[in-house]
């Protein structure tokens, strides 16, 4: 999941600060989100993932294959 979020951010050419602005939050919240995914400490909510995706110009799609 972390790799997917980072790839979306990079593809959109956005900084963490710009993503935070688009999500209506502050940059430290984005840092905490990414750090928690890297350490498997917490799972973000679907709403947070949806906002992150939208900030990157993407849609969130959850699938079981």
C-alpha atoms as a PDB file:
ATOM      1  CA  UNK A   1       0.000   0.000   0.000  1.00  0.00           C
ATOM      2  CA  UNK A   2       2.819   2.393   0.866  1.00  0.00           C
ATOM      3  CA  UNK A   3       4.470   1.829  -2.509  1.00  0.00           C
ATOM      4  CA  UNK A   4       1.173   2.506  -4.275  1.00  0.00           C
ATOM      5  CA  UNK A   5       0.634   5.778  -2.415  1.00  0.00           C
ATOM      6  CA  UNK A   6       4.196   6.921  -3.061  1.00  0.00           C
ATOM      7  CA  UNK A   7       3.907   6.023  -6.750  1.00  0.00           C
ATOM      8  CA  UNK A   8       0.667   8.019  -7.038  1.00  0.00           C
ATOM      9  CA  UNK A   9       2.273  10.998  -5.321  1.00  0.00           C
ATOM     10  CA  UNK A  10       5.344  10.828  -7.549  1.00  0.00           C
ATOM     11  CA  UNK A  11       3.280  10.382 -10.725  1.00  0.00           C
ATOM     12  CA  UNK A  12       1.264  13.470  -9.794  1.00  0.00           C
ATOM     13  CA  UNK A  13       4.468  15.409  -9.087  1.00  0.00           C
ATOM     14  CA  UNK A  14       3.251  16.440  -5.646  1.00  0.00           C
ATOM     15  CA  UNK A  15       5.030  17.092  -2.385  1.00  0.00           C
ATOM     16  CA  UNK A  16       3.681  15.944   0.957  1.00  0.00           C
ATOM     17  CA  UNK A  17       2.819  19.573   1.681  1.00  0.00           C
ATOM     18  CA  UNK A  18       0.744  19.875  -1.498  1.00  0.00           C
ATOM     19  CA  UNK A  19      -1.054  16.597  -0.781  1.00  0.00           C
ATOM     20  CA  UNK A  20      -1.805  17.810   2.741  1.00  0.00           C
ATOM     21  CA  UNK A  21      -3.202  21.064   1.373  1.00  0.00           C
ATOM     22  CA  UNK A  22      -5.421  19.213  -1.080  1.00  0.00           C
ATOM     23  CA  UNK A  23      -6.602  16.845   1.669  1.00  0.00           C
ATOM     24  CA  UNK A  24      -7.387  19.720   4.021  1.00  0.00           C
ATOM     25  CA  UNK A  25      -4.805  18.707   6.599  1.00  0.00           C
ATOM     26  CA  UNK A  26      -1.259  19.613   7.629  1.00  0.00           C
ATOM     27  CA  UNK A  27       2.001  18.130   6.268  1.00  0.00           C
ATOM     28  CA  UNK A  28       2.877  16.332   9.547  1.00  0.00           C
ATOM     29  CA  UNK A  29      -0.334  14.303   9.175  1.00  0.00           C
ATOM     30  CA  UNK A  30       0.865  13.027   5.803  1.00  0.00           C
ATOM     31  CA  UNK A  31       4.275  12.211   7.266  1.00  0.00           C
ATOM     32  CA  UNK A  32       2.591  10.242  10.064  1.00  0.00           C
ATOM     33  CA  UNK A  33       0.367   8.431   7.571  1.00  0.00           C
ATOM     34  CA  UNK A  34       3.308   7.302   5.452  1.00  0.00           C
ATOM     35  CA  UNK A  35       5.439   6.433   8.490  1.00  0.00           C
ATOM     36  CA  UNK A  36       2.647   4.338   9.998  1.00  0.00           C
ATOM     37  CA  UNK A  37       2.338   2.391   6.759  1.00  0.00           C
ATOM     38  CA  UNK A  38       6.096   1.866   6.607  1.00  0.00           C
ATOM     39  CA  UNK A  39       6.143   0.460  10.131  1.00  0.00           C
ATOM     40  CA  UNK A  40       2.805  -1.416   9.954  1.00  0.00           C
ATOM     41  CA  UNK A  41       1.732   0.353  13.157  1.00  0.00           C
ATOM     42  CA  UNK A  42      -1.671   1.520  11.935  1.00  0.00           C
ATOM     43  CA  UNK A  43      -3.941   1.108   8.969  1.00  0.00           C
ATOM     44  CA  UNK A  44      -5.393   4.282   7.482  1.00  0.00           C
ATOM     45  CA  UNK A  45      -9.142   4.591   7.125  1.00  0.00           C
ATOM     46  CA  UNK A  46     -10.803   4.165   3.760  1.00  0.00           C
ATOM     47  CA  UNK A  47     -11.798   7.834   3.938  1.00  0.00           C
ATOM     48  CA  UNK A  48      -8.156   8.875   4.369  1.00  0.00           C
ATOM     49  CA  UNK A  49      -7.059   6.683   1.468  1.00  0.00           C
ATOM     50  CA  UNK A  50      -9.845   8.132  -0.672  1.00  0.00           C
ATOM     51  CA  UNK A  51      -8.712  11.691   0.140  1.00  0.00           C
ATOM     52  CA  UNK A  52      -5.078  10.827  -0.604  1.00  0.00           C
ATOM     53  CA  UNK A  53      -6.076   9.288  -3.940  1.00  0.00           C
ATOM     54  CA  UNK A  54      -8.195  12.311  -4.853  1.00  0.00           C
ATOM     55  CA  UNK A  55      -5.344  14.659  -3.925  1.00  0.00           C
ATOM     56  CA  UNK A  56      -3.196  12.768  -6.444  1.00  0.00           C
ATOM     57  CA  UNK A  57      -5.882  12.894  -9.122  1.00  0.00           C
ATOM     58  CA  UNK A  58      -6.745   9.215  -8.670  1.00  0.00           C
ATOM     59  CA  UNK A  59      -9.721   7.178  -7.489  1.00  0.00           C
ATOM     60  CA  UNK A  60      -9.554   4.629  -4.697  1.00  0.00           C
ATOM     61  CA  UNK A  61     -10.495   1.118  -5.758  1.00  0.00           C
ATOM     62  CA  UNK A  62     -10.507  -1.771  -3.294  1.00  0.00           C
ATOM     63  CA  UNK A  63     -10.608  -5.232  -4.809  1.00  0.00           C
ATOM     64  CA  UNK A  64     -10.308  -8.811  -3.710  1.00  0.00           C
ATOM     65  CA  UNK A  65      -8.909 -10.946  -6.476  1.00  0.00           C
END
